[in-house]
Amino acid sequence: MDNRYDDAIDTVLAEDFKRYMQRYKKIYQRLAKKVAMNLSTSSEKPVIVDLGTGPGLLLKELHDQIPTAQIIGVDSSENMLMIAHKNINDLHCSDCFVTHARAEQLPFGDNSIDCIVSRLSLSSWEKPQQTFVEIFRVLKPGGRVLIEDLNRGFPAWKLSIRKVLMSLKTAKKDVITYHSEYYARAFSLAEAEQAFIKIGFTIVKKEGKKTGWNFLVIAEKPLTACKILQVL
């Protein structure tokens, strides 16, 4: 969760979201495993950014699977960061941090980050194009970014069924509403892919069907990248 709708994320929604998503640990474990597979083998202590960290559920799995990494969770919601900070304290990880920042203004130097991962954050970025430029700027040449997000091509009738299933699984109304509104402003897989290509990334891999509920795009900053692109 990040940026455009952070004002709507009050403490109640933040807690409800955390409680509901804690049931889906395997989702975060799978994504953390993909991050581990896409790290450069030349970095003994990689720096990983969890962009839109929310309550820090992915951050925990990243730490479990890549214990040598420095992991930084970034979010613009203070309420989410309070929960993420508590989760970090439970990890007793001296190399895990959270910081308040907007996606289009990342607080990192040029060519300083080994990998950026973002889950369910893309459609909340206030300035998506500028955020892609920022990701390109802070990644090291050869560094990779993984974005997993909901797919706008997911049929409305399937979304209606999904909302019913969420309710049966005792998801709170505010979580269901947020989930539905997120789909309404989501990117398609093709749009996400083109956003990467436009900035100068090389697409490494993409997963997801045209009408599937989500997608994953893995992109790499070329080794020959030598300057920061300007927002058009």
C-alpha atoms as a PDB file:
ATOM      1  CA  MET A   1       0.000   0.000   0.000  1.00  0.00           C
ATOM      2  CA  ASP A   2       1.360   3.376  -0.904  1.00  0.00           C
ATOM      3  CA  ASN A   3       0.820   6.977  -1.920  1.00  0.00           C
ATOM      4  CA  ARG A   4      -2.421   8.013  -3.583  1.00  0.00           C
ATOM      5  CA  TYR A   5      -4.801   6.468  -1.088  1.00  0.00           C
ATOM      6  CA  ASP A   6      -2.713   6.535   2.075  1.00  0.00           C
ATOM      7  CA  ASP A   7      -5.037   9.095   3.685  1.00  0.00           C
ATOM      8  CA  ALA A   8      -7.809   6.476   3.553  1.00  0.00           C
ATOM      9  CA  ILE A   9      -5.705   3.907   5.431  1.00  0.00           C
ATOM     10  CA  ASP A  10      -6.698   4.574   9.011  1.00  0.00           C
ATOM     11  CA  THR A  11      -5.540   2.482  11.942  1.00  0.00           C
ATOM     12  CA  VAL A  12      -8.580   0.202  11.728  1.00  0.00           C
ATOM     13  CA  LEU A  13      -8.075  -0.642   8.050  1.00  0.00           C
ATOM     14  CA  ALA A  14      -4.351  -1.157   8.618  1.00  0.00           C
ATOM     15  CA  GLU A  15      -4.990  -3.671  11.400  1.00  0.00           C
ATOM     16  CA  ASP A  16      -7.816  -5.408   9.514  1.00  0.00           C
ATOM     17  CA  PHE A  17      -5.638  -5.719   6.406  1.00  0.00           C
ATOM     18  CA  LYS A  18      -2.782  -7.211   8.429  1.00  0.00           C
ATOM     19  CA  ARG A  19      -5.007  -9.772  10.153  1.00  0.00           C
ATOM     20  CA  TYR A  20      -6.589 -10.880   6.879  1.00  0.00           C
ATOM     21  CA  MET A  21      -3.357 -11.141   4.883  1.00  0.00           C
ATOM     22  CA  GLN A  22      -1.520 -13.003   7.644  1.00  0.00           C
ATOM     23  CA  ARG A  23      -3.538 -16.044   6.570  1.00  0.00           C
ATOM     24  CA  TYR A  24      -1.758 -16.073   3.225  1.00  0.00           C
ATOM     25  CA  LYS A  25       1.818 -16.563   4.327  1.00  0.00           C
ATOM     26  CA  LYS A  26       2.582 -18.766   1.307  1.00  0.00           C
ATOM     27  CA  ILE A  27       1.926 -15.828  -1.061  1.00  0.00           C
ATOM     28  CA  TYR A  28       4.688 -13.830   0.598  1.00  0.00           C
ATOM     29  CA  GLN A  29       6.985 -16.855   0.845  1.00  0.00           C
ATOM     30  CA  ARG A  30       6.699 -17.509  -2.901  1.00  0.00           C
ATOM     31  CA  LEU A  31       7.459 -13.891  -3.758  1.00  0.00           C
ATOM     32  CA  ALA A  32      10.419 -13.772  -1.341  1.00  0.00           C
ATOM     33  CA  LYS A  33      11.784 -16.906  -3.004  1.00  0.00           C
ATOM     34  CA  LYS A  34      11.554 -15.228  -6.415  1.00  0.00           C
ATOM     35  CA  VAL A  35      13.444 -12.229  -5.024  1.00  0.00           C
ATOM     36  CA  ALA A  36      16.190 -14.537  -3.767  1.00  0.00           C
ATOM     37  CA  MET A  37      16.437 -16.143  -7.220  1.00  0.00           C
ATOM     38  CA  ASN A  38      16.827 -12.726  -8.878  1.00  0.00           C
ATOM     39  CA  LEU A  39      19.609 -11.340  -6.718  1.00  0.00           C
ATOM     40  CA  SER A  40      23.053 -10.855  -8.175  1.00  0.00           C
ATOM     41  CA  THR A  41      25.434 -13.520  -6.932  1.00  0.00           C
ATOM     42  CA  SER A  42      28.220 -10.915  -6.765  1.00  0.00           C
ATOM     43  CA  SER A  43      26.694  -9.114  -3.787  1.00  0.00           C
ATOM     44  CA  GLU A  44      27.545 -10.644  -0.406  1.00  0.00           C
ATOM     45  CA  LYS A  45      25.190  -8.292   1.442  1.00  0.00           C
ATOM     46  CA  PRO A  46      22.462  -7.224  -0.991  1.00  0.00           C
ATOM     47  CA  VAL A  47      20.248  -4.241  -0.283  1.00  0.00           C
ATOM     48  CA  ILE A  48      16.573  -5.000  -0.944  1.00  0.00           C
ATOM     49  CA  VAL A  49      13.726  -2.470  -0.893  1.00  0.00           C
ATOM     50  CA  ASP A  50      10.161  -3.605  -0.216  1.00  0.00           C
ATOM     51  CA  LEU A  51       8.276  -0.756  -1.884  1.00  0.00           C
ATOM     52  CA  GLY A  52       4.808  -0.331  -0.383  1.00  0.00           C
ATOM     53  CA  THR A  53       5.664  -2.644   2.493  1.00  0.00           C
ATOM     54  CA  GLY A  54       2.293  -2.194   4.255  1.00  0.00           C
ATOM     55  CA  PRO A  55       2.318  -4.159   7.528  1.00  0.00           C
ATOM     56  CA  GLY A  56       5.685  -5.706   6.677  1.00  0.00           C
ATOM     57  CA  LEU A  57       4.523  -9.253   5.930  1.00  0.00           C
ATOM     58  CA  LEU A  58       6.753  -9.613   2.860  1.00  0.00           C
ATOM     59  CA  LEU A  59       9.644  -7.982   4.702  1.00  0.00           C
ATOM     60  CA  LYS A  60       9.527 -10.801   7.267  1.00  0.00           C
ATOM     61  CA  GLU A  61       9.667 -13.495   4.594  1.00  0.00           C
ATOM     62  CA  LEU A  62      12.530 -11.728   2.820  1.00  0.00           C
ATOM     63  CA  HIS A  63      14.504 -11.743   6.053  1.00  0.00           C
ATOM     64  CA  ASP A  64      13.792 -15.443   6.622  1.00  0.00           C
ATOM     65  CA  GLN A  65      14.911 -16.442   3.119  1.00  0.00           C
ATOM     66  CA  ILE A  66      17.755 -13.945   2.621  1.00  0.00           C
ATOM     67  CA  PRO A  67      19.202 -13.417   6.136  1.00  0.00           C
ATOM     68  CA  THR A  68      22.391 -11.765   4.834  1.00  0.00           C
ATOM     69  CA  ALA A  69      20.490  -8.936   3.137  1.00  0.00           C
ATOM     70  CA  GLN A  70      19.756  -5.447   4.352  1.00  0.00           C
ATOM     71  CA  ILE A  71      16.012  -5.034   3.873  1.00  0.00           C
ATOM     72  CA  ILE A  72      14.257  -1.670   3.827  1.00  0.00           C
ATOM     73  CA  GLY A  73      10.485  -1.376   3.868  1.00  0.00           C
ATOM     74  CA  VAL A  74       9.120   1.830   2.322  1.00  0.00           C
ATOM     75  CA  ASP A  75       5.565   3.102   2.659  1.00  0.00           C
ATOM     76  CA  SER A  76       3.744   6.427   2.715  1.00  0.00           C
ATOM     77  CA  SER A  77       1.126   5.272   5.236  1.00  0.00           C
ATOM     78  CA  GLU A  78       2.184   6.054   8.787  1.00  0.00           C
ATOM     79  CA  ASN A  79      -0.439   3.645  10.116  1.00  0.00           C
ATOM     80  CA  MET A  80       0.959   0.771   8.072  1.00  0.00           C
ATOM     81  CA  LEU A  81       4.519   1.621   9.073  1.00  0.00           C
ATOM     82  CA  MET A  82       3.641   1.476  12.769  1.00  0.00           C
ATOM     83  CA  ILE A  83       2.537  -2.137  12.288  1.00  0.00           C
ATOM     84  CA  ALA A  84       5.557  -2.960  10.122  1.00  0.00           C
ATOM     85  CA  HIS A  85       7.883  -1.510  12.767  1.00  0.00           C
ATOM     86  CA  LYS A  86       6.366  -3.813  15.402  1.00  0.00           C
ATOM     87  CA  ASN A  87       6.885  -6.791  13.103  1.00  0.00           C
ATOM     88  CA  ILE A  88      10.537  -5.848  12.597  1.00  0.00           C
ATOM     89  CA  ASN A  89      11.078  -5.659  16.343  1.00  0.00           C
ATOM     90  CA  ASP A  90       9.753  -9.211  16.609  1.00  0.00           C
ATOM     91  CA  LEU A  91      12.319 -10.341  14.012  1.00  0.00           C
ATOM     92  CA  HIS A  92      15.275  -9.024  16.053  1.00  0.00           C
ATOM     93  CA  CYS A  93      16.893  -8.114  12.718  1.00  0.00           C
ATOM     94  CA  SER A  94      19.531  -5.399  12.940  1.00  0.00           C
ATOM     95  CA  ASP A  95      19.560  -5.006   9.145  1.00  0.00           C
ATOM     96  CA  CYS A  96      15.811  -4.541   8.672  1.00  0.00           C
ATOM     97  CA  PHE A  97      14.332  -1.041   8.595  1.00  0.00           C
ATOM     98  CA  VAL A  98      11.187   0.802   7.608  1.00  0.00           C
ATOM     99  CA  THR A  99      11.024   4.363   6.371  1.00  0.00           C
ATOM    100  CA  HIS A 100       8.296   6.815   5.466  1.00  0.00           C
ATOM    101  CA  ALA A 101       8.564   7.974   1.858  1.00  0.00           C
ATOM    102  CA  ARG A 102       6.539   8.381  -1.290  1.00  0.00           C
ATOM    103  CA  ALA A 103       7.215   6.040  -4.171  1.00  0.00           C
ATOM    104  CA  GLU A 104       8.124   8.846  -6.563  1.00  0.00           C
ATOM    105  CA  GLN A 105      10.708  10.271  -4.120  1.00  0.00           C
ATOM    106  CA  LEU A 106      12.777   7.353  -2.870  1.00  0.00           C
ATOM    107  CA  PRO A 107      15.350   8.297  -0.191  1.00  0.00           C
ATOM    108  CA  PHE A 108      18.238   6.362  -1.745  1.00  0.00           C
ATOM    109  CA  GLY A 109      21.282   7.309  -3.768  1.00  0.00           C
ATOM    110  CA  ASP A 110      21.806   6.596  -7.450  1.00  0.00           C
ATOM    111  CA  ASN A 111      22.803   2.997  -8.270  1.00  0.00           C
ATOM    112  CA  SER A 112      22.602   1.928  -4.610  1.00  0.00           C
ATOM    113  CA  ILE A 113      19.950  -0.812  -4.453  1.00  0.00           C
ATOM    114  CA  ASP A 114      20.353  -4.437  -5.550  1.00  0.00           C
ATOM    115  CA  CYS A 115      16.683  -5.333  -5.811  1.00  0.00           C
ATOM    116  CA  ILE A 116      13.269  -3.703  -5.427  1.00  0.00           C
ATOM    117  CA  VAL A 117      10.110  -5.701  -4.861  1.00  0.00           C
ATOM    118  CA  SER A 118       6.573  -4.386  -4.722  1.00  0.00           C
ATOM    119  CA  ARG A 119       3.366  -6.268  -3.992  1.00  0.00           C
ATOM    120  CA  LEU A 120      -0.038  -4.586  -4.397  1.00  0.00           C
ATOM    121  CA  SER A 121       1.442  -1.102  -4.544  1.00  0.00           C
ATOM    122  CA  LEU A 122       1.676  -0.165  -8.224  1.00  0.00           C
ATOM    123  CA  SER A 123      -1.909   1.054  -8.603  1.00  0.00           C
ATOM    124  CA  SER A 124      -1.591   3.281  -5.548  1.00  0.00           C
ATOM    125  CA  TRP A 125       1.389   5.254  -6.820  1.00  0.00           C
ATOM    126  CA  GLU A 126       0.406   8.879  -7.211  1.00  0.00           C
ATOM    127  CA  LYS A 127       2.842   9.384 -10.107  1.00  0.00           C
ATOM    128  CA  PRO A 128       3.522   5.970 -11.697  1.00  0.00           C
ATOM    129  CA  GLN A 129       5.821   7.182 -14.477  1.00  0.00           C
ATOM    130  CA  GLN A 130       7.973   9.168 -12.055  1.00  0.00           C
ATOM    131  CA  THR A 131       8.091   6.163  -9.726  1.00  0.00           C
ATOM    132  CA  PHE A 132       9.397   3.914 -12.507  1.00  0.00           C
ATOM    133  CA  VAL A 133      12.088   6.539 -13.151  1.00  0.00           C
ATOM    134  CA  GLU A 134      12.971   6.546  -9.441  1.00  0.00           C
ATOM    135  CA  ILE A 135      13.225   2.765  -9.384  1.00  0.00           C
ATOM    136  CA  PHE A 136      15.531   2.930 -12.404  1.00  0.00           C
ATOM    137  CA  ARG A 137      17.625   5.637 -10.721  1.00  0.00           C
ATOM    138  CA  VAL A 138      18.257   3.843  -7.436  1.00  0.00           C
ATOM    139  CA  LEU A 139      18.827   0.343  -8.819  1.00  0.00           C
ATOM    140  CA  LYS A 140      22.369  -0.721  -9.529  1.00  0.00           C
ATOM    141  CA  PRO A 141      23.102  -1.595 -13.158  1.00  0.00           C
ATOM    142  CA  GLY A 142      22.078  -5.233 -13.425  1.00  0.00           C
ATOM    143  CA  GLY A 143      19.718  -4.810 -10.468  1.00  0.00           C
ATOM    144  CA  ARG A 144      16.205  -6.187 -10.748  1.00  0.00           C
ATOM    145  CA  VAL A 145      12.706  -5.106  -9.795  1.00  0.00           C
ATOM    146  CA  LEU A 146       9.795  -7.473  -9.197  1.00  0.00           C
ATOM    147  CA  ILE A 147       6.253  -6.132  -9.254  1.00  0.00           C
ATOM    148  CA  GLU A 148       3.352  -8.374  -8.336  1.00  0.00           C
ATOM    149  CA  ASP A 149      -0.023  -6.727  -8.624  1.00  0.00           C
ATOM    150  CA  LEU A 150      -3.715  -7.158  -9.296  1.00  0.00           C
ATOM    151  CA  ASN A 151      -4.733  -7.289 -12.938  1.00  0.00           C
ATOM    152  CA  ARG A 152      -7.264  -4.872 -14.400  1.00  0.00           C
ATOM    153  CA  GLY A 153      -8.213  -7.558 -16.930  1.00  0.00           C
ATOM    154  CA  PHE A 154      -9.778  -9.681 -14.177  1.00  0.00           C
ATOM    155  CA  PRO A 155     -13.504 -10.033 -15.117  1.00  0.00           C
ATOM    156  CA  ALA A 156     -16.023  -8.122 -12.990  1.00  0.00           C
ATOM    157  CA  TRP A 157     -18.155 -11.210 -12.396  1.00  0.00           C
ATOM    158  CA  LYS A 158     -15.161 -13.079 -10.988  1.00  0.00           C
ATOM    159  CA  LEU A 159     -14.391 -10.105  -8.767  1.00  0.00           C
ATOM    160  CA  SER A 160     -17.950 -10.282  -7.389  1.00  0.00           C
ATOM    161  CA  ILE A 161     -17.430 -13.938  -6.523  1.00  0.00           C
ATOM    162  CA  ARG A 162     -14.077 -13.094  -4.965  1.00  0.00           C
ATOM    163  CA  LYS A 163     -15.711 -10.491  -2.715  1.00  0.00           C
ATOM    164  CA  VAL A 164     -18.217 -13.095  -1.508  1.00  0.00           C
ATOM    165  CA  LEU A 165     -15.419 -15.549  -0.786  1.00  0.00           C
ATOM    166  CA  MET A 166     -13.499 -12.887   1.130  1.00  0.00           C
ATOM    167  CA  SER A 167     -16.606 -12.249   3.222  1.00  0.00           C
ATOM    168  CA  LEU A 168     -16.985 -15.967   3.938  1.00  0.00           C
ATOM    169  CA  LYS A 169     -13.377 -15.948   5.111  1.00  0.00           C
ATOM    170  CA  THR A 170     -14.400 -13.222   7.583  1.00  0.00           C
ATOM    171  CA  ALA A 171     -12.624 -10.370   5.804  1.00  0.00           C
ATOM    172  CA  LYS A 172     -13.828  -7.073   7.246  1.00  0.00           C
ATOM    173  CA  LYS A 173     -15.928  -4.792   5.040  1.00  0.00           C
ATOM    174  CA  ASP A 174     -13.212  -2.139   4.847  1.00  0.00           C
ATOM    175  CA  VAL A 175     -10.692  -4.700   3.535  1.00  0.00           C
ATOM    176  CA  ILE A 176     -13.146  -5.945   0.893  1.00  0.00           C
ATOM    177  CA  THR A 177     -13.900  -2.374  -0.177  1.00  0.00           C
ATOM    178  CA  TYR A 178     -10.211  -1.482  -0.453  1.00  0.00           C
ATOM    179  CA  HIS A 179      -9.575  -4.657  -2.443  1.00  0.00           C
ATOM    180  CA  SER A 180     -12.407  -3.864  -4.885  1.00  0.00           C
ATOM    181  CA  GLU A 181     -11.379  -0.236  -5.339  1.00  0.00           C
ATOM    182  CA  TYR A 182      -7.806  -1.342  -6.009  1.00  0.00           C
ATOM    183  CA  TYR A 183      -8.973  -3.508  -8.905  1.00  0.00           C
ATOM    184  CA  ALA A 184     -10.827  -0.508 -10.331  1.00  0.00           C
ATOM    185  CA  ARG A 185      -7.582   1.451 -10.695  1.00  0.00           C
ATOM    186  CA  ALA A 186      -5.285  -1.505 -11.453  1.00  0.00           C
ATOM    187  CA  PHE A 187      -2.893  -1.864 -14.377  1.00  0.00           C
ATOM    188  CA  SER A 188      -3.081  -4.645 -16.923  1.00  0.00           C
ATOM    189  CA  LEU A 189      -0.066  -6.908 -17.442  1.00  0.00           C
ATOM    190  CA  ALA A 190       0.589  -5.276 -20.832  1.00  0.00           C
ATOM    191  CA  GLU A 191       0.459  -1.767 -19.321  1.00  0.00           C
ATOM    192  CA  ALA A 192       2.905  -2.679 -16.576  1.00  0.00           C
ATOM    193  CA  GLU A 193       5.272  -4.255 -19.094  1.00  0.00           C
ATOM    194  CA  GLN A 194       5.188  -1.184 -21.334  1.00  0.00           C
ATOM    195  CA  ALA A 195       5.823   1.124 -18.374  1.00  0.00           C
ATOM    196  CA  PHE A 196       9.059  -0.749 -17.687  1.00  0.00           C
ATOM    197  CA  ILE A 197      10.148  -0.758 -21.320  1.00  0.00           C
ATOM    198  CA  LYS A 198       9.445   2.969 -21.726  1.00  0.00           C
ATOM    199  CA  ILE A 199      11.880   3.840 -18.936  1.00  0.00           C
ATOM    200  CA  GLY A 200      14.643   1.608 -20.285  1.00  0.00           C
ATOM    201  CA  PHE A 201      14.279  -1.652 -18.354  1.00  0.00           C
ATOM    202  CA  THR A 202      14.745  -5.060 -19.926  1.00  0.00           C
ATOM    203  CA  ILE A 203      11.908  -7.491 -19.223  1.00  0.00           C
ATOM    204  CA  VAL A 204      13.352 -10.662 -17.695  1.00  0.00           C
ATOM    205  CA  LYS A 205      10.128 -12.554 -17.057  1.00  0.00           C
ATOM    206  CA  LYS A 206       6.389 -12.036 -16.822  1.00  0.00           C
ATOM    207  CA  GLU A 207       3.733 -14.250 -15.303  1.00  0.00           C
ATOM    208  CA  GLY A 208      -0.030 -14.048 -15.433  1.00  0.00           C
ATOM    209  CA  LYS A 209      -2.897 -14.508 -17.872  1.00  0.00           C
ATOM    210  CA  LYS A 210      -4.684 -11.663 -19.633  1.00  0.00           C
ATOM    211  CA  THR A 211      -7.797 -12.204 -17.489  1.00  0.00           C
ATOM    212  CA  GLY A 212      -6.050 -13.646 -14.439  1.00  0.00           C
ATOM    213  CA  TRP A 213      -6.461 -12.083 -11.008  1.00  0.00           C
ATOM    214  CA  ASN A 214      -2.843 -10.946 -10.774  1.00  0.00           C
ATOM    215  CA  PHE A 215       0.471 -10.708 -12.605  1.00  0.00           C
ATOM    216  CA  LEU A 216       4.193 -10.594 -11.935  1.00  0.00           C
ATOM    217  CA  VAL A 217       6.748  -8.652 -13.976  1.00  0.00           C
ATOM    218  CA  ILE A 218      10.491  -9.015 -13.392  1.00  0.00           C
ATOM    219  CA  ALA A 219      12.660  -6.378 -15.060  1.00  0.00           C
ATOM    220  CA  GLU A 220      16.362  -5.514 -15.046  1.00  0.00           C
ATOM    221  CA  LYS A 221      18.247  -2.252 -15.255  1.00  0.00           C
ATOM    222  CA  PRO A 222      20.762  -2.751 -18.097  1.00  0.00           C
ATOM    223  CA  LEU A 223      24.419  -3.032 -17.146  1.00  0.00           C
ATOM    224  CA  THR A 224      25.151  -0.304 -19.679  1.00  0.00           C
ATOM    225  CA  ALA A 225      22.785   2.195 -18.019  1.00  0.00           C
ATOM    226  CA  CYS A 226      24.836   5.313 -17.434  1.00  0.00           C
ATOM    227  CA  LYS A 227      22.382   8.118 -16.846  1.00  0.00           C
ATOM    228  CA  ILE A 228      19.083   8.818 -15.195  1.00  0.00           C
ATOM    229  CA  LEU A 229      16.132   9.264 -17.466  1.00  0.00           C
ATOM    230  CA  GLN A 230      14.072  12.421 -17.079  1.00  0.00           C
ATOM    231  CA  VAL A 231      10.305  12.328 -16.656  1.00  0.00           C
ATOM    232  CA  LEU A 232       8.685  13.221 -19.945  1.00  0.00           C
END
